[in-house]
Amino acid sequence: MLKDLFYIGLGGALLAKEKVEKELNELVEKGKLNKEEAQKLIDKAKAKGEDEEKEFKSKLKEAIREVLEEMDLATKADIEALNKEKEKKK
């Protein structure tokens, strides 16, 4: 389910990117915007998108951690500690 949500978000972002680029290209063609200004806007939108992606991933990881904690599952650290303890007993 989380994977599906991620792909839906990614698909939406790609569609938005394409639409923004199309609109900016139309403004350039109409002479209302030059290519440098359009590229600056694209770069700014891309940087903002990358920042939002990082924030989304961070929030998603935290949500997954919370779910795993609620399920009371062993973590990688728990398993490693058990393995070390097992090795000491040998």
PDB file of N, CA and C in Angstrom:
ATOM      1  N   MET A   1       0.824  -1.193   0.000  1.00  0.00           N
ATOM      2  CA  MET A   1       0.000   0.000   0.000  1.00  0.00           C
ATOM      3  C   MET A   1       0.867   1.255   0.000  1.00  0.00           C
ATOM      4  N   LEU A   2       1.891   1.287   0.848  1.00  0.00           N
ATOM      5  CA  LEU A   2       2.784   2.454   0.890  1.00  0.00           C
ATOM      6  C   LEU A   2       3.497   2.627  -0.438  1.00  0.00           C
ATOM      7  N   LYS A   3       3.865   1.512  -1.040  1.00  0.00           N
ATOM      8  CA  LYS A   3       4.538   1.551  -2.333  1.00  0.00           C
ATOM      9  C   LYS A   3       3.612   2.167  -3.375  1.00  0.00           C
ATOM     10  N   ASP A   4       2.337   1.767  -3.348  1.00  0.00           N
ATOM     11  CA  ASP A   4       1.358   2.315  -4.283  1.00  0.00           C
ATOM     12  C   ASP A   4       1.193   3.813  -4.084  1.00  0.00           C
ATOM     13  N   LEU A   5       1.120   4.244  -2.831  1.00  0.00           N
ATOM     14  CA  LEU A   5       0.995   5.678  -2.548  1.00  0.00           C
ATOM     15  C   LEU A   5       2.201   6.448  -3.068  1.00  0.00           C
ATOM     16  N   PHE A   6       3.384   5.864  -2.878  1.00  0.00           N
ATOM     17  CA  PHE A   6       4.600   6.512  -3.365  1.00  0.00           C
ATOM     18  C   PHE A   6       4.549   6.676  -4.876  1.00  0.00           C
ATOM     19  N   TYR A   7       4.141   5.593  -5.591  1.00  0.00           N
ATOM     20  CA  TYR A   7       4.082   5.662  -7.047  1.00  0.00           C
ATOM     21  C   TYR A   7       3.005   6.628  -7.537  1.00  0.00           C
ATOM     22  N   ILE A   8       1.914   6.707  -6.825  1.00  0.00           N
ATOM     23  CA  ILE A   8       0.869   7.668  -7.185  1.00  0.00           C
ATOM     24  C   ILE A   8       1.411   9.095  -7.056  1.00  0.00           C
ATOM     25  N   GLY A   9       2.097   9.339  -5.949  1.00  0.00           N
ATOM     26  CA  GLY A   9       2.692  10.663  -5.744  1.00  0.00           C
ATOM     27  C   GLY A   9       3.728  10.992  -6.795  1.00  0.00           C
ATOM     28  N   LEU A  10       4.554  10.013  -7.126  1.00  0.00           N
ATOM     29  CA  LEU A  10       5.590  10.209  -8.140  1.00  0.00           C
ATOM     30  C   LEU A  10       4.959  10.486  -9.500  1.00  0.00           C
ATOM     31  N   GLY A  11       3.923   9.732  -9.825  1.00  0.00           N
ATOM     32  CA  GLY A  11       3.226   9.950 -11.092  1.00  0.00           C
ATOM     33  C   GLY A  11       2.617  11.345 -11.164  1.00  0.00           C
ATOM     34  N   GLY A  12       2.011  11.769 -10.069  1.00  0.00           N
ATOM     35  CA  GLY A  12       1.434  13.111 -10.023  1.00  0.00           C
ATOM     36  C   GLY A  12       2.496  14.183 -10.189  1.00  0.00           C
ATOM     37  N   ALA A  13       3.639  13.965  -9.571  1.00  0.00           N
ATOM     38  CA  ALA A  13       4.737  14.933  -9.673  1.00  0.00           C
ATOM     39  C   ALA A  13       5.238  15.020 -11.113  1.00  0.00           C
ATOM     40  N   LEU A  14       5.351  13.878 -11.773  1.00  0.00           N
ATOM     41  CA  LEU A  14       5.818  13.884 -13.160  1.00  0.00           C
ATOM     42  C   LEU A  14       4.828  14.596 -14.081  1.00  0.00           C
ATOM     43  N   LEU A  15       3.546  14.353 -13.846  1.00  0.00           N
ATOM     44  CA  LEU A  15       2.530  15.032 -14.654  1.00  0.00           C
ATOM     45  C   LEU A  15       2.582  16.545 -14.424  1.00  0.00           C
ATOM     46  N   ALA A  16       2.742  16.946 -13.178  1.00  0.00           N
ATOM     47  CA  ALA A  16       2.821  18.376 -12.858  1.00  0.00           C
ATOM     48  C   ALA A  16       4.054  18.989 -13.514  1.00  0.00           C
ATOM     49  N   LYS A  17       5.179  18.283 -13.469  1.00  0.00           N
ATOM     50  CA  LYS A  17       6.423  18.773 -14.077  1.00  0.00           C
ATOM     51  C   LYS A  17       6.221  19.003 -15.572  1.00  0.00           C
ATOM     52  N   GLU A  18       5.624  18.027 -16.236  1.00  0.00           N
ATOM     53  CA  GLU A  18       5.392  18.147 -17.670  1.00  0.00           C
ATOM     54  C   GLU A  18       4.478  19.333 -17.986  1.00  0.00           C
ATOM     55  N   LYS A  19       3.458  19.508 -17.180  1.00  0.00           N
ATOM     56  CA  LYS A  19       2.522  20.610 -17.414  1.00  0.00           C
ATOM     57  C   LYS A  19       3.207  21.960 -17.206  1.00  0.00           C
ATOM     58  N   VAL A  20       4.009  22.079 -16.158  1.00  0.00           N
ATOM     59  CA  VAL A  20       4.725  23.332 -15.890  1.00  0.00           C
ATOM     60  C   VAL A  20       5.673  23.645 -17.041  1.00  0.00           C
ATOM     61  N   GLU A  21       6.424  22.635 -17.480  1.00  0.00           N
ATOM     62  CA  GLU A  21       7.356  22.863 -18.592  1.00  0.00           C
ATOM     63  C   GLU A  21       6.617  23.279 -19.861  1.00  0.00           C
ATOM     64  N   LYS A  22       5.481  22.656 -20.112  1.00  0.00           N
ATOM     65  CA  LYS A  22       4.688  23.004 -21.302  1.00  0.00           C
ATOM     66  C   LYS A  22       4.215  24.452 -21.220  1.00  0.00           C
ATOM     67  N   GLU A  23       3.688  24.838 -20.065  1.00  0.00           N
ATOM     68  CA  GLU A  23       3.191  26.211 -19.888  1.00  0.00           C
ATOM     69  C   GLU A  23       4.325  27.230 -20.021  1.00  0.00           C
ATOM     70  N   LEU A  24       5.475  26.917 -19.444  1.00  0.00           N
ATOM     71  CA  LEU A  24       6.616  27.835 -19.553  1.00  0.00           C
ATOM     72  C   LEU A  24       7.096  27.957 -20.990  1.00  0.00           C
ATOM     73  N   ASN A  25       7.120  26.840 -21.707  1.00  0.00           N
ATOM     74  CA  ASN A  25       7.513  26.883 -23.124  1.00  0.00           C
ATOM     75  C   ASN A  25       6.549  27.734 -23.940  1.00  0.00           C
ATOM     76  N   GLU A  26       5.261  27.662 -23.620  1.00  0.00           N
ATOM     77  CA  GLU A  26       4.273  28.495 -24.316  1.00  0.00           C
ATOM     78  C   GLU A  26       4.506  29.972 -24.025  1.00  0.00           C
ATOM     79  N   LEU A  27       4.858  30.295 -22.776  1.00  0.00           N
ATOM     80  CA  LEU A  27       5.151  31.688 -22.431  1.00  0.00           C
ATOM     81  C   LEU A  27       6.396  32.179 -23.159  1.00  0.00           C
ATOM     82  N   VAL A  28       7.379  31.314 -23.312  1.00  0.00           N
ATOM     83  CA  VAL A  28       8.595  31.669 -24.054  1.00  0.00           C
ATOM     84  C   VAL A  28       8.244  31.928 -25.517  1.00  0.00           C
ATOM     85  N   GLU A  29       7.429  31.049 -26.100  1.00  0.00           N
ATOM     86  CA  GLU A  29       7.031  31.205 -27.499  1.00  0.00           C
ATOM     87  C   GLU A  29       6.252  32.496 -27.721  1.00  0.00           C
ATOM     88  N   LYS A  30       5.447  32.894 -26.746  1.00  0.00           N
ATOM     89  CA  LYS A  30       4.652  34.115 -26.863  1.00  0.00           C
ATOM     90  C   LYS A  30       5.478  35.359 -26.561  1.00  0.00           C
ATOM     91  N   GLY A  31       6.703  35.154 -26.108  1.00  0.00           N
ATOM     92  CA  GLY A  31       7.583  36.291 -25.818  1.00  0.00           C
ATOM     93  C   GLY A  31       7.328  36.922 -24.460  1.00  0.00           C
ATOM     94  N   LYS A  32       6.550  36.278 -23.619  1.00  0.00           N
ATOM     95  CA  LYS A  32       6.259  36.822 -22.290  1.00  0.00           C
ATOM     96  C   LYS A  32       7.315  36.429 -21.266  1.00  0.00           C
ATOM     97  N   LEU A  33       8.198  35.526 -21.673  1.00  0.00           N
ATOM     98  CA  LEU A  33       9.227  35.021 -20.782  1.00  0.00           C
ATOM     99  C   LEU A  33      10.402  34.599 -21.653  1.00  0.00           C
ATOM    100  N   ASN A  34      11.633  34.909 -21.198  1.00  0.00           N
ATOM    101  CA  ASN A  34      12.768  34.442 -22.000  1.00  0.00           C
ATOM    102  C   ASN A  34      13.214  33.071 -21.499  1.00  0.00           C
ATOM    103  N   LYS A  35      14.067  32.423 -22.286  1.00  0.00           N
ATOM    104  CA  LYS A  35      14.474  31.048 -21.963  1.00  0.00           C
ATOM    105  C   LYS A  35      15.208  30.967 -20.631  1.00  0.00           C
ATOM    106  N   GLU A  36      16.011  31.980 -20.325  1.00  0.00           N
ATOM    107  CA  GLU A  36      16.759  31.960 -19.067  1.00  0.00           C
ATOM    108  C   GLU A  36      15.814  32.032 -17.864  1.00  0.00           C
ATOM    109  N   GLU A  37      14.802  32.893 -17.972  1.00  0.00           N
ATOM    110  CA  GLU A  37      13.823  33.013 -16.880  1.00  0.00           C
ATOM    111  C   GLU A  37      13.041  31.707 -16.718  1.00  0.00           C
ATOM    112  N   ALA A  38      12.681  31.115 -17.836  1.00  0.00           N
ATOM    113  CA  ALA A  38      11.948  29.843 -17.791  1.00  0.00           C
ATOM    114  C   ALA A  38      12.807  28.765 -17.132  1.00  0.00           C
ATOM    115  N   GLN A  39      14.085  28.707 -17.496  1.00  0.00           N
ATOM    116  CA  GLN A  39      14.975  27.703 -16.921  1.00  0.00           C
ATOM    117  C   GLN A  39      15.151  27.932 -15.419  1.00  0.00           C
ATOM    118  N   LYS A  40      15.235  29.203 -15.004  1.00  0.00           N
ATOM    119  CA  LYS A  40      15.341  29.508 -13.574  1.00  0.00           C
ATOM    120  C   LYS A  40      14.112  29.019 -12.819  1.00  0.00           C
ATOM    121  N   LEU A  41      12.938  29.227 -13.395  1.00  0.00           N
ATOM    122  CA  LEU A  41      11.702  28.766 -12.766  1.00  0.00           C
ATOM    123  C   LEU A  41      11.665  27.240 -12.690  1.00  0.00           C
ATOM    124  N   ILE A  42      12.114  26.585 -13.744  1.00  0.00           N
ATOM    125  CA  ILE A  42      12.151  25.113 -13.751  1.00  0.00           C
ATOM    126  C   ILE A  42      13.114  24.618 -12.687  1.00  0.00           C
ATOM    127  N   ASP A  43      14.289  25.238 -12.616  1.00  0.00           N
ATOM    128  CA  ASP A  43      15.289  24.837 -11.620  1.00  0.00           C
ATOM    129  C   ASP A  43      14.777  25.046 -10.200  1.00  0.00           C
ATOM    130  N   LYS A  44      14.098  26.163  -9.989  1.00  0.00           N
ATOM    131  CA  LYS A  44      13.550  26.458  -8.663  1.00  0.00           C
ATOM    132  C   LYS A  44      12.471  25.431  -8.285  1.00  0.00           C
ATOM    133  N   ALA A  45      11.614  25.111  -9.237  1.00  0.00           N
ATOM    134  CA  ALA A  45      10.560  24.118  -8.977  1.00  0.00           C
ATOM    135  C   ALA A  45      11.172  22.745  -8.725  1.00  0.00           C
ATOM    136  N   LYS A  46      12.215  22.416  -9.459  1.00  0.00           N
ATOM    137  CA  LYS A  46      12.888  21.131  -9.280  1.00  0.00           C
ATOM    138  C   LYS A  46      13.511  21.042  -7.889  1.00  0.00           C
ATOM    139  N   ALA A  47      14.176  22.110  -7.463  1.00  0.00           N
ATOM    140  CA  ALA A  47      14.800  22.123  -6.135  1.00  0.00           C
ATOM    141  C   ALA A  47      13.743  21.979  -5.047  1.00  0.00           C
ATOM    142  N   LYS A  48      12.622  22.672  -5.213  1.00  0.00           N
ATOM    143  CA  LYS A  48      11.549  22.573  -4.228  1.00  0.00           C
ATOM    144  C   LYS A  48      10.983  21.157  -4.206  1.00  0.00           C
ATOM    145  N   GLY A  49      10.827  20.559  -5.366  1.00  0.00           N
ATOM    146  CA  GLY A  49      10.333  19.192  -5.445  1.00  0.00           C
ATOM    147  C   GLY A  49      11.274  18.213  -4.759  1.00  0.00           C
ATOM    148  N   GLU A  50      12.572  18.415  -4.940  1.00  0.00           N
ATOM    149  CA  GLU A  50      13.559  17.540  -4.300  1.00  0.00           C
ATOM    150  C   GLU A  50      13.506  17.688  -2.775  1.00  0.00           C
ATOM    151  N   ASP A  51      13.341  18.932  -2.317  1.00  0.00           N
ATOM    152  CA  ASP A  51      13.216  19.163  -0.869  1.00  0.00           C
ATOM    153  C   ASP A  51      11.970  18.479  -0.314  1.00  0.00           C
ATOM    154  N   GLU A  52      10.874  18.600  -1.030  1.00  0.00           N
ATOM    155  CA  GLU A  52       9.627  17.980  -0.586  1.00  0.00           C
ATOM    156  C   GLU A  52       9.736  16.457  -0.611  1.00  0.00           C
ATOM    157  N   GLU A  53      10.468  15.920  -1.590  1.00  0.00           N
ATOM    158  CA  GLU A  53      10.668  14.472  -1.658  1.00  0.00           C
ATOM    159  C   GLU A  53      11.451  13.989  -0.438  1.00  0.00           C
ATOM    160  N   LYS A  54      12.492  14.717  -0.070  1.00  0.00           N
ATOM    161  CA  LYS A  54      13.284  14.359   1.112  1.00  0.00           C
ATOM    162  C   LYS A  54      12.418  14.381   2.367  1.00  0.00           C
ATOM    163  N   GLU A  55      11.596  15.409   2.487  1.00  0.00           N
ATOM    164  CA  GLU A  55      10.711  15.525   3.649  1.00  0.00           C
ATOM    165  C   GLU A  55       9.696  14.388   3.669  1.00  0.00           C
ATOM    166  N   PHE A  56       9.142  14.063   2.503  1.00  0.00           N
ATOM    167  CA  PHE A  56       8.174  12.969   2.403  1.00  0.00           C
ATOM    168  C   PHE A  56       8.809  11.653   2.825  1.00  0.00           C
ATOM    169  N   LYS A  57      10.019  11.384   2.313  1.00  0.00           N
ATOM    170  CA  LYS A  57      10.706  10.135   2.657  1.00  0.00           C
ATOM    171  C   LYS A  57      10.973  10.063   4.151  1.00  0.00           C
ATOM    172  N   SER A  58      11.373  11.174   4.720  1.00  0.00           N
ATOM    173  CA  SER A  58      11.650  11.212   6.155  1.00  0.00           C
ATOM    174  C   SER A  58      10.389  10.907   6.962  1.00  0.00           C
ATOM    175  N   LYS A  59       9.297  11.536   6.588  1.00  0.00           N
ATOM    176  CA  LYS A  59       8.028  11.298   7.282  1.00  0.00           C
ATOM    177  C   LYS A  59       7.545   9.858   7.082  1.00  0.00           C
ATOM    178  N   LEU A  60       7.739   9.331   5.891  1.00  0.00           N
ATOM    179  CA  LEU A  60       7.336   7.960   5.605  1.00  0.00           C
ATOM    180  C   LEU A  60       8.143   6.981   6.452  1.00  0.00           C
ATOM    181  N   LYS A  61       9.453   7.189   6.537  1.00  0.00           N
ATOM    182  CA  LYS A  61      10.299   6.321   7.357  1.00  0.00           C
ATOM    183  C   LYS A  61       9.867   6.368   8.818  1.00  0.00           C
ATOM    184  N   GLU A  62       9.566   7.545   9.308  1.00  0.00           N
ATOM    185  CA  GLU A  62       9.134   7.687  10.698  1.00  0.00           C
ATOM    186  C   GLU A  62       7.806   6.967  10.925  1.00  0.00           C
ATOM    187  N   ALA A  63       6.890   7.100   9.981  1.00  0.00           N
ATOM    188  CA  ALA A  63       5.598   6.416  10.106  1.00  0.00           C
ATOM    189  C   ALA A  63       5.788   4.899  10.113  1.00  0.00           C
ATOM    190  N   ILE A  64       6.673   4.411   9.270  1.00  0.00           N
ATOM    191  CA  ILE A  64       6.941   2.969   9.226  1.00  0.00           C
ATOM    192  C   ILE A  64       7.551   2.513  10.544  1.00  0.00           C
ATOM    193  N   ARG A  65       8.491   3.298  11.069  1.00  0.00           N
ATOM    194  CA  ARG A  65       9.097   2.955  12.365  1.00  0.00           C
ATOM    195  C   ARG A  65       8.024   2.864  13.458  1.00  0.00           C
ATOM    196  N   GLU A  66       7.116   3.815  13.474  1.00  0.00           N
ATOM    197  CA  GLU A  66       6.057   3.827  14.482  1.00  0.00           C
ATOM    198  C   GLU A  66       5.175   2.586  14.354  1.00  0.00           C
ATOM    199  N   VAL A  67       4.833   2.214  13.135  1.00  0.00           N
ATOM    200  CA  VAL A  67       3.996   1.026  12.917  1.00  0.00           C
ATOM    201  C   VAL A  67       4.738  -0.213  13.401  1.00  0.00           C
ATOM    202  N   LEU A  68       6.018  -0.316  13.059  1.00  0.00           N
ATOM    203  CA  LEU A  68       6.802  -1.480  13.485  1.00  0.00           C
ATOM    204  C   LEU A  68       6.918  -1.540  15.003  1.00  0.00           C
ATOM    205  N   GLU A  69       7.079  -0.386  15.638  1.00  0.00           N
ATOM    206  CA  GLU A  69       7.139  -0.356  17.106  1.00  0.00           C
ATOM    207  C   GLU A  69       5.816  -0.804  17.711  1.00  0.00           C
ATOM    208  N   GLU A  70       4.717  -0.357  17.145  1.00  0.00           N
ATOM    209  CA  GLU A  70       3.399  -0.751  17.638  1.00  0.00           C
ATOM    210  C   GLU A  70       3.165  -2.251  17.458  1.00  0.00           C
ATOM    211  N   MET A  71       3.757  -2.818  16.424  1.00  0.00           N
ATOM    212  CA  MET A  71       3.604  -4.250  16.176  1.00  0.00           C
ATOM    213  C   MET A  71       4.549  -5.058  17.054  1.00  0.00           C
ATOM    214  N   ASP A  72       5.433  -4.367  17.738  1.00  0.00           N
ATOM    215  CA  ASP A  72       6.389  -4.984  18.660  1.00  0.00           C
ATOM    216  C   ASP A  72       7.256  -6.031  17.958  1.00  0.00           C
ATOM    217  N   LEU A  73       7.744  -5.688  16.774  1.00  0.00           N
ATOM    218  CA  LEU A  73       8.623  -6.574  16.021  1.00  0.00           C
ATOM    219  C   LEU A  73      10.074  -6.331  16.409  1.00  0.00           C
ATOM    220  N   ALA A  74      10.880  -7.353  16.284  1.00  0.00           N
ATOM    221  CA  ALA A  74      12.301  -7.219  16.574  1.00  0.00           C
ATOM    222  C   ALA A  74      12.960  -6.362  15.493  1.00  0.00           C
ATOM    223  N   THR A  75      13.845  -5.485  15.932  1.00  0.00           N
ATOM    224  CA  THR A  75      14.583  -4.650  14.989  1.00  0.00           C
ATOM    225  C   THR A  75      15.880  -5.336  14.605  1.00  0.00           C
ATOM    226  N   LYS A  76      16.542  -4.793  13.630  1.00  0.00           N
ATOM    227  CA  LYS A  76      17.838  -5.318  13.219  1.00  0.00           C
ATOM    228  C   LYS A  76      18.807  -5.273  14.399  1.00  0.00           C
ATOM    229  N   ALA A  77      18.777  -4.188  15.155  1.00  0.00           N
ATOM    230  CA  ALA A  77      19.650  -4.052  16.332  1.00  0.00           C
ATOM    231  C   ALA A  77      19.331  -5.125  17.374  1.00  0.00           C
ATOM    232  N   ASP A  78      18.048  -5.432  17.569  1.00  0.00           N
ATOM    233  CA  ASP A  78      17.649  -6.487  18.514  1.00  0.00           C
ATOM    234  C   ASP A  78      18.228  -7.837  18.098  1.00  0.00           C
ATOM    235  N   ILE A  79      18.132  -8.141  16.837  1.00  0.00           N
ATOM    236  CA  ILE A  79      18.619  -9.419  16.322  1.00  0.00           C
ATOM    237  C   ILE A  79      20.138  -9.496  16.436  1.00  0.00           C
ATOM    238  N   GLU A  80      20.815  -8.390  16.114  1.00  0.00           N
ATOM    239  CA  GLU A  80      22.277  -8.374  16.240  1.00  0.00           C
ATOM    240  C   GLU A  80      22.702  -8.571  17.694  1.00  0.00           C
ATOM    241  N   ALA A  81      21.994  -7.939  18.614  1.00  0.00           N
ATOM    242  CA  ALA A  81      22.312  -8.093  20.034  1.00  0.00           C
ATOM    243  C   ALA A  81      22.123  -9.541  20.478  1.00  0.00           C
ATOM    244  N   LEU A  82      21.055 -10.170  20.022  1.00  0.00           N
ATOM    245  CA  LEU A  82      20.818 -11.575  20.348  1.00  0.00           C
ATOM    246  C   LEU A  82      21.912 -12.472  19.774  1.00  0.00           C
ATOM    247  N   ASN A  83      22.334 -12.184  18.560  1.00  0.00           N
ATOM    248  CA  ASN A  83      23.403 -12.968  17.945  1.00  0.00           C
ATOM    249  C   ASN A  83      24.711 -12.818  18.704  1.00  0.00           C
ATOM    250  N   LYS A  84      25.022 -11.601  19.154  1.00  0.00           N
ATOM    251  CA  LYS A  84      26.235 -11.379  19.935  1.00  0.00           C
ATOM    252  C   LYS A  84      26.166 -12.136  21.263  1.00  0.00           C
ATOM    253  N   GLU A  85      25.007 -12.078  21.886  1.00  0.00           N
ATOM    254  CA  GLU A  85      24.823 -12.782  23.157  1.00  0.00           C
ATOM    255  C   GLU A  85      24.958 -14.293  22.948  1.00  0.00           C
ATOM    256  N   LYS A  86      24.425 -14.785  21.866  1.00  0.00           N
ATOM    257  CA  LYS A  86      24.507 -16.200  21.536  1.00  0.00           C
ATOM    258  C   LYS A  86      25.968 -16.616  21.345  1.00  0.00           C
ATOM    259  N   GLU A  87      26.726 -15.776  20.638  1.00  0.00           N
ATOM    260  CA  GLU A  87      28.138 -16.056  20.390  1.00  0.00           C
ATOM    261  C   GLU A  87      28.949 -16.078  21.688  1.00  0.00           C
ATOM    262  N   LYS A  88      28.607 -15.198  22.620  1.00  0.00           N
ATOM    263  CA  LYS A  88      29.316 -15.144  23.917  1.00  0.00           C
ATOM    264  C   LYS A  88      29.104 -16.427  24.694  1.00  0.00           C
ATOM    265  N   LYS A  89      27.929 -17.013  24.582  1.00  0.00           N
ATOM    266  CA  LYS A  89      27.600 -18.224  25.332  1.00  0.00           C
ATOM    267  C   LYS A  89      28.304 -19.461  24.784  1.00  0.00           C
ATOM    268  N   LYS A  90      28.777 -19.382  23.581  1.00  0.00           N
ATOM    269  CA  LYS A  90      29.447 -20.546  22.965  1.00  0.00           C
ATOM    270  C   LYS A  90      30.792 -20.693  23.515  1.00  0.00           C
TER     271      LYS A  90
END
